[in-house]
Amino acid sequence: MRRLLLFAIFGLAALVGCDTAALETESQVVVEAYLEAGEPMDSVRLTRTARASAEYTPERTAVQGADVQVQRLNDSGGVAATVPYTETDSTDGLYIPETPATVEPQGTYRLRAAPPEGPVVTAETTVPAPVEAVRTQNDTTTYPDPDDENSDPPQFELTVRPGPSALERQNVYVLTSRSLLDLQSIPASPPDSVAGRLLTPFYLEQYDADSDTLASFRVNSSGLLNEANFTSNDDGTVSITLPWLAVAFYGPNQIRASVVDNNLYDFLRTQSAQQMSLAPGEIPNIDEDIENGTGIFGSFAEASGKVLIRPPDPTVDDIPLRP
């Protein structure tokens, strides 16, 4: 499930609001599934909620033997096509399409999951229009020198052409950076002397060789960013400047700009509100649109580009700058 890394949004804590009675309710089916415009349908993961005092892991709470399908709906709400899913042998509770199918941009899809026990779980999403990467600027640049307050190197810029929004709001993006370094050739938890030649200053400060791995810093996603935060050009394109804080590793990085649907927008927006709440009585519930269950069934469209980030110290010559 490659999209788990993209959003990194899921966990039991995100599903429990401030109402303590919610901790005592019956177990619910938890859905995690994403559709990307123009790409093959991805997997669906089904688990069950656990009590607040119990350990929550997808493996221990997996829902097995469910009847899972994703239906593409027509303009009148009827079923135009159905893609059946089958459970994988390798991962309990993980379901994949029985036959390849491509996600149609601006199409509406319904997830239908019937567990062996309990009601049928359903959810719907309308996929955003495609996003096209038009051009990039400053594909190779140098990270700012933290010891030089006048250091202001050019930032990587990705210009995209978003499709028309079918929603009653402007497009909302999530920016994701992913290091393309071959981390398998580097010790998983190198000493600080090595990590300092790989990690940018902000992430190096957070790195602990005794408890962290480099892989845990590979992917970083922003919160929700309105299109108004970026530069709108006369030709209808939008130019997105990559903030330095989004870059964890020197070397090659892939930068993705994802336009999200209403389900992901609501989920991420209310999850962010949870994280900002200070007192238990102020923690809001997650806003999710799952019938007879909980979780997320969302969709997105994305465009991407690549950038090479060089370290500010030119004497550092042993950073693996190739993927």
Protein backbone atom coordinates (compact mmCIF):
# COMPACT_ATOMS: atom_id res chain seq x y z
CA MET A 1 0.00 0.00 0.00
CA ARG A 2 2.23 2.79 -1.25
CA ARG A 3 -0.33 5.47 -0.36
CA LEU A 4 0.05 4.73 3.33
CA LEU A 5 3.42 6.45 3.05
CA LEU A 6 2.01 9.37 1.09
CA PHE A 7 -0.46 10.54 3.66
CA ALA A 8 0.71 8.77 6.85
CA ILE A 9 -2.57 9.77 8.41
CA PHE A 10 -4.00 6.69 9.95
CA GLY A 11 -4.15 5.26 13.48
CA LEU A 12 -6.57 4.54 16.28
CA ALA A 13 -5.92 7.88 17.96
CA ALA A 14 -7.27 9.65 14.88
CA LEU A 15 -10.57 7.81 15.18
CA VAL A 16 -11.41 8.62 18.80
CA GLY A 17 -12.85 12.00 19.70
CA CYS A 18 -13.37 13.64 23.04
CA ASP A 19 -16.41 11.60 24.08
CA THR A 20 -15.16 8.98 26.54
CA ALA A 21 -18.24 6.88 25.84
CA ALA A 22 -16.80 6.32 22.37
CA LEU A 23 -14.11 4.19 23.98
CA GLU A 24 -16.69 1.65 25.11
CA THR A 25 -18.64 1.21 21.87
CA GLU A 26 -18.71 -2.01 19.89
CA SER A 27 -15.86 -2.73 17.53
CA GLN A 28 -16.15 -1.04 14.13
CA VAL A 29 -14.67 -1.90 10.76
CA VAL A 30 -11.86 0.50 9.84
CA VAL A 31 -11.39 1.26 6.12
CA GLU A 32 -8.23 2.60 4.57
CA ALA A 33 -8.24 3.02 0.79
CA TYR A 34 -7.18 5.63 -1.75
CA LEU A 35 -7.85 6.10 -5.46
CA GLU A 36 -5.48 8.10 -7.66
CA ALA A 37 -6.83 9.72 -10.82
CA GLY A 38 -5.60 7.97 -13.95
CA GLU A 39 -3.76 5.23 -12.06
CA PRO A 40 -4.61 1.56 -11.40
CA MET A 41 -6.92 0.91 -8.47
CA ASP A 42 -4.93 0.40 -5.30
CA SER A 43 -5.49 -1.95 -2.37
CA VAL A 44 -8.09 -1.73 0.40
CA ARG A 45 -7.18 -2.47 4.01
CA LEU A 46 -9.83 -3.55 6.51
CA THR A 47 -9.20 -3.74 10.24
CA ARG A 48 -11.28 -3.32 13.40
CA THR A 49 -11.05 -0.69 16.09
CA ALA A 50 -9.46 -1.70 19.38
CA ARG A 51 -10.21 -0.57 22.91
CA ALA A 52 -8.21 2.43 24.06
CA SER A 53 -6.30 0.24 26.50
CA ALA A 54 -5.40 -2.38 23.85
CA GLU A 55 -2.54 -2.38 21.37
CA TYR A 56 -3.69 -1.46 17.87
CA THR A 57 -1.85 -3.10 15.00
CA PRO A 58 -3.30 -3.83 11.54
CA GLU A 59 -2.09 -7.42 11.73
CA ARG A 60 -3.87 -8.25 15.00
CA THR A 61 -7.09 -6.46 14.10
CA ALA A 62 -7.35 -7.47 10.42
CA VAL A 63 -10.81 -8.22 8.96
CA GLN A 64 -10.52 -11.43 6.98
CA GLY A 65 -12.97 -13.11 4.62
CA ALA A 66 -14.82 -9.93 3.63
CA ASP A 67 -16.61 -9.47 0.30
CA VAL A 68 -15.01 -6.29 -1.08
CA GLN A 69 -15.74 -4.43 -4.29
CA VAL A 70 -15.37 -0.93 -5.72
CA GLN A 71 -18.19 0.29 -7.95
CA ARG A 72 -17.99 3.10 -10.48
CA LEU A 73 -21.24 5.03 -10.46
CA ASN A 74 -22.98 6.70 -13.40
CA ASP A 75 -24.46 10.20 -13.42
CA SER A 76 -27.76 8.95 -11.97
CA GLY A 77 -26.08 7.10 -9.10
CA GLY A 78 -26.45 3.62 -10.60
CA VAL A 79 -23.60 1.14 -10.90
CA ALA A 80 -21.75 1.46 -14.22
CA ALA A 81 -18.96 -1.04 -13.45
CA THR A 82 -17.82 -3.22 -10.55
CA VAL A 83 -14.30 -4.29 -9.64
CA PRO A 84 -14.21 -7.24 -7.21
CA TYR A 85 -11.35 -7.46 -4.71
CA THR A 86 -9.63 -10.51 -3.21
CA GLU A 87 -7.68 -10.85 0.03
CA THR A 88 -3.93 -11.24 -0.36
CA ASP A 89 -2.13 -14.30 0.97
CA SER A 90 0.73 -12.21 2.31
CA THR A 91 -1.14 -9.67 4.47
CA ASP A 92 -4.28 -10.34 6.48
CA GLY A 93 -7.00 -7.77 5.88
CA LEU A 94 -5.39 -6.42 2.70
CA TYR A 95 -7.54 -6.71 -0.44
CA ILE A 96 -6.44 -6.10 -4.05
CA PRO A 97 -8.39 -5.88 -7.34
CA GLU A 98 -9.00 -9.23 -9.02
CA THR A 99 -8.55 -7.58 -12.42
CA PRO A 100 -6.67 -4.37 -13.31
CA ALA A 101 -8.81 -1.24 -13.53
CA THR A 102 -7.91 2.41 -14.01
CA VAL A 103 -9.37 5.17 -11.85
CA GLU A 104 -11.31 7.63 -13.99
CA PRO A 105 -10.67 11.31 -13.19
CA GLN A 106 -13.83 13.06 -11.94
CA GLY A 107 -15.55 9.69 -11.63
CA THR A 108 -17.59 8.76 -8.55
CA TYR A 109 -16.77 5.48 -6.83
CA ARG A 110 -18.43 3.49 -4.09
CA LEU A 111 -16.58 1.11 -1.81
CA ARG A 112 -18.67 -1.82 -0.57
CA ALA A 113 -17.16 -4.12 2.07
CA ALA A 114 -19.24 -6.92 3.62
CA PRO A 115 -17.41 -8.47 6.59
CA PRO A 116 -18.27 -12.02 7.73
CA GLU A 117 -20.15 -10.47 10.67
CA GLY A 118 -21.89 -7.14 10.94
CA PRO A 119 -23.40 -4.67 8.49
CA VAL A 120 -22.07 -3.82 5.04
CA VAL A 121 -19.63 -0.90 5.11
CA THR A 122 -19.94 1.65 2.30
CA ALA A 123 -18.30 4.92 1.30
CA GLU A 124 -18.17 7.14 -1.79
CA THR A 125 -15.60 9.46 -3.31
CA THR A 126 -15.52 11.73 -6.36
CA VAL A 127 -12.05 11.73 -7.89
CA PRO A 128 -10.47 15.12 -8.64
CA ALA A 129 -9.60 16.18 -12.17
CA PRO A 130 -6.05 15.39 -13.38
CA VAL A 131 -3.11 17.60 -12.47
CA GLU A 132 -0.36 18.05 -15.09
CA ALA A 133 3.25 18.92 -14.31
CA VAL A 134 4.12 21.69 -16.78
CA ARG A 135 7.66 22.68 -15.81
CA THR A 136 10.18 22.83 -12.98
CA GLN A 137 12.73 25.43 -11.97
CA ASN A 138 15.90 25.15 -9.88
CA ASP A 139 16.06 21.38 -10.32
CA THR A 140 19.52 21.49 -8.72
CA THR A 141 20.00 23.82 -5.79
CA THR A 142 21.87 24.16 -2.50
CA TYR A 143 20.32 23.99 0.94
CA PRO A 144 20.61 27.27 2.94
CA ASP A 145 23.64 27.54 5.19
CA PRO A 146 22.32 27.56 8.80
CA ASP A 147 25.41 29.52 9.89
CA ASP A 148 24.88 32.28 7.34
CA GLU A 149 21.79 34.40 7.85
CA ASN A 150 22.24 35.88 4.38
CA SER A 151 22.17 32.48 2.70
CA ASP A 152 19.24 32.51 0.29
CA PRO A 153 19.67 29.93 -2.49
CA PRO A 154 16.91 29.53 -5.09
CA GLN A 155 14.13 27.14 -4.11
CA PHE A 156 12.78 24.32 -6.25
CA GLU A 157 9.55 25.28 -8.04
CA LEU A 158 6.98 22.94 -9.56
CA THR A 159 4.45 24.47 -11.95
CA VAL A 160 1.27 22.45 -12.48
CA ARG A 161 -1.89 22.79 -14.51
CA PRO A 162 -4.80 21.68 -12.32
CA GLY A 163 -8.04 20.46 -13.81
CA PRO A 164 -11.32 22.24 -13.05
CA SER A 165 -12.59 21.68 -9.53
CA ALA A 166 -16.00 20.02 -9.33
CA LEU A 167 -16.23 20.98 -5.66
CA GLU A 168 -17.66 24.12 -4.12
CA ARG A 169 -14.22 25.32 -3.09
CA GLN A 170 -10.79 25.97 -4.56
CA ASN A 171 -8.37 23.11 -5.02
CA VAL A 172 -6.57 22.00 -1.87
CA TYR A 173 -3.13 20.40 -2.07
CA VAL A 174 -0.89 18.17 0.01
CA LEU A 175 2.84 18.47 -0.77
CA THR A 176 4.99 15.37 -0.24
CA SER A 177 8.75 15.03 -0.49
CA ARG A 178 10.38 11.62 -0.76
CA SER A 179 14.11 10.99 -0.69
CA LEU A 180 15.34 8.90 -3.61
CA LEU A 181 18.58 7.88 -1.89
CA ASP A 182 19.35 4.19 -1.78
CA LEU A 183 18.92 3.89 1.97
CA GLN A 184 19.47 0.14 1.84
CA SER A 185 23.14 0.80 1.13
CA ILE A 186 23.41 2.95 4.27
CA PRO A 187 23.16 1.65 7.86
CA ALA A 188 19.54 1.90 9.01
CA SER A 189 20.52 3.83 12.15
CA PRO A 190 23.92 5.40 11.41
CA PRO A 191 25.79 7.45 14.02
CA ASP A 192 25.20 11.18 14.10
CA SER A 193 28.47 11.78 12.24
CA VAL A 194 27.07 9.93 9.23
CA ALA A 195 23.47 11.13 9.59
CA GLY A 196 24.76 14.70 9.60
CA ARG A 197 26.01 14.25 6.04
CA LEU A 198 22.61 12.97 4.90
CA LEU A 199 19.93 14.83 6.88
CA THR A 200 19.16 18.54 6.63
CA PRO A 201 19.58 20.56 9.87
CA PHE A 202 15.97 20.51 11.10
CA TYR A 203 15.67 16.73 10.78
CA LEU A 204 19.16 16.10 12.10
CA GLU A 205 18.13 17.81 15.34
CA GLN A 206 15.27 15.33 15.70
CA TYR A 207 17.30 12.27 14.75
CA ASP A 208 18.31 9.85 17.53
CA ALA A 209 20.61 7.03 16.41
CA ASP A 210 19.43 4.89 19.34
CA SER A 211 15.74 4.95 18.37
CA ASP A 212 15.36 6.29 14.82
CA THR A 213 16.05 4.88 11.38
CA LEU A 214 16.79 6.88 8.27
CA ALA A 215 13.80 5.27 6.54
CA SER A 216 11.45 6.88 9.07
CA PHE A 217 12.47 10.30 7.69
CA ARG A 218 12.25 9.37 3.99
CA VAL A 219 8.71 10.70 3.33
CA ASN A 220 7.33 13.99 4.64
CA SER A 221 3.93 15.49 3.88
CA SER A 222 2.58 18.96 4.48
CA GLY A 223 -0.78 19.76 5.89
CA LEU A 224 -3.59 21.03 3.68
CA LEU A 225 -2.56 23.96 1.48
CA ASN A 226 -5.11 26.06 -0.38
CA GLU A 227 -4.39 26.93 -3.98
CA ALA A 228 -4.39 30.58 -2.94
CA ASN A 229 -1.10 29.93 -1.09
CA PHE A 230 0.68 29.46 -4.43
CA THR A 231 1.37 31.68 -7.44
CA SER A 232 -1.40 31.72 -10.05
CA ASN A 233 -0.10 32.41 -13.55
CA ASP A 234 -1.87 34.04 -16.49
CA ASP A 235 -1.85 30.77 -18.46
CA GLY A 236 -3.95 29.00 -15.82
CA THR A 237 -1.03 27.20 -14.22
CA VAL A 238 -0.04 27.28 -10.56
CA SER A 239 3.58 27.55 -9.39
CA ILE A 240 4.41 25.80 -6.12
CA THR A 241 7.60 26.70 -4.27
CA LEU A 242 9.02 23.92 -2.13
CA PRO A 243 9.64 25.06 1.46
CA TRP A 244 13.04 24.03 2.81
CA LEU A 245 11.37 22.53 5.86
CA ALA A 246 9.84 19.84 3.63
CA VAL A 247 13.28 18.49 2.68
CA ALA A 248 14.72 15.90 5.07
CA PHE A 249 17.59 14.54 2.96
CA TYR A 250 20.25 16.04 0.79
CA GLY A 251 20.53 14.42 -2.62
CA PRO A 252 17.72 13.50 -5.04
CA ASN A 253 14.14 14.02 -3.90
CA GLN A 254 10.78 13.49 -5.58
CA ILE A 255 8.23 16.23 -4.91
CA ARG A 256 4.53 15.49 -5.35
CA ALA A 257 1.64 17.96 -5.35
CA SER A 258 -1.65 16.14 -4.69
CA VAL A 259 -5.11 17.65 -5.09
CA VAL A 260 -7.39 15.90 -2.59
CA ASP A 261 -11.09 15.05 -2.66
CA ASN A 262 -13.63 16.06 -0.02
CA ASN A 263 -13.08 12.92 2.06
CA LEU A 264 -9.35 13.43 2.44
CA TYR A 265 -9.88 17.14 2.92
CA ASP A 266 -12.32 16.59 5.80
CA PHE A 267 -10.22 13.84 7.35
CA LEU A 268 -6.94 15.78 7.29
CA ARG A 269 -8.61 19.03 8.36
CA THR A 270 -10.20 17.52 11.45
CA GLN A 271 -7.13 15.43 12.27
CA SER A 272 -5.10 18.64 12.26
CA ALA A 273 -7.65 20.19 14.63
CA GLN A 274 -7.20 17.21 16.97
CA GLN A 275 -3.45 17.67 17.04
CA MET A 276 -3.80 21.35 17.89
CA SER A 277 -6.28 20.76 20.74
CA LEU A 278 -4.82 21.22 24.20
CA ALA A 279 -7.37 19.72 26.57
CA PRO A 280 -9.25 16.39 26.29
CA GLY A 281 -12.60 18.17 26.41
CA GLU A 282 -11.58 20.24 23.38
CA ILE A 283 -10.56 17.38 21.05
CA PRO A 284 -13.02 17.22 18.13
CA ASN A 285 -14.07 14.01 16.41
CA ILE A 286 -12.58 13.07 13.06
CA ASP A 287 -14.86 13.99 10.16
CA GLU A 288 -15.10 10.86 8.00
CA ASP A 289 -17.74 9.59 5.57
CA ILE A 290 -17.95 5.84 6.14
CA GLU A 291 -21.37 4.20 6.51
CA ASN A 292 -21.44 1.45 9.20
CA GLY A 293 -17.73 1.88 9.88
CA THR A 294 -14.94 4.40 10.18
CA GLY A 295 -11.69 5.32 8.46
CA ILE A 296 -10.96 6.87 5.09
CA PHE A 297 -11.95 6.14 1.49
CA GLY A 298 -10.51 9.07 -0.42
CA SER A 299 -9.09 10.04 -3.79
CA PHE A 300 -6.60 12.46 -5.23
CA ALA A 301 -4.80 13.57 -8.38
CA GLU A 302 -1.13 14.45 -8.41
CA ALA A 303 1.78 15.82 -10.38
CA SER A 304 5.44 15.44 -9.50
CA GLY A 305 8.97 16.60 -10.24
CA LYS A 306 12.50 15.85 -9.04
CA VAL A 307 15.09 18.06 -7.40
CA LEU A 308 18.72 17.57 -6.37
CA ILE A 309 19.50 19.25 -3.05
CA ARG A 310 23.19 19.85 -2.39
CA PRO A 311 24.55 20.42 1.13
CA PRO A 312 25.65 23.97 2.04
CA ASP A 313 29.16 22.74 2.91
CA PRO A 314 31.03 22.16 -0.38
CA THR A 315 33.68 20.11 1.43
CA VAL A 316 31.19 17.32 2.10
CA ASP A 317 31.81 15.06 -0.87
CA ASP A 318 30.70 11.65 0.35
CA ILE A 319 26.94 12.14 0.27
CA PRO A 320 25.37 9.60 -2.10
CA LEU A 321 23.77 12.12 -4.43
CA ARG A 322 22.42 9.47 -6.76
CA PRO A 323 19.30 7.35 -6.13
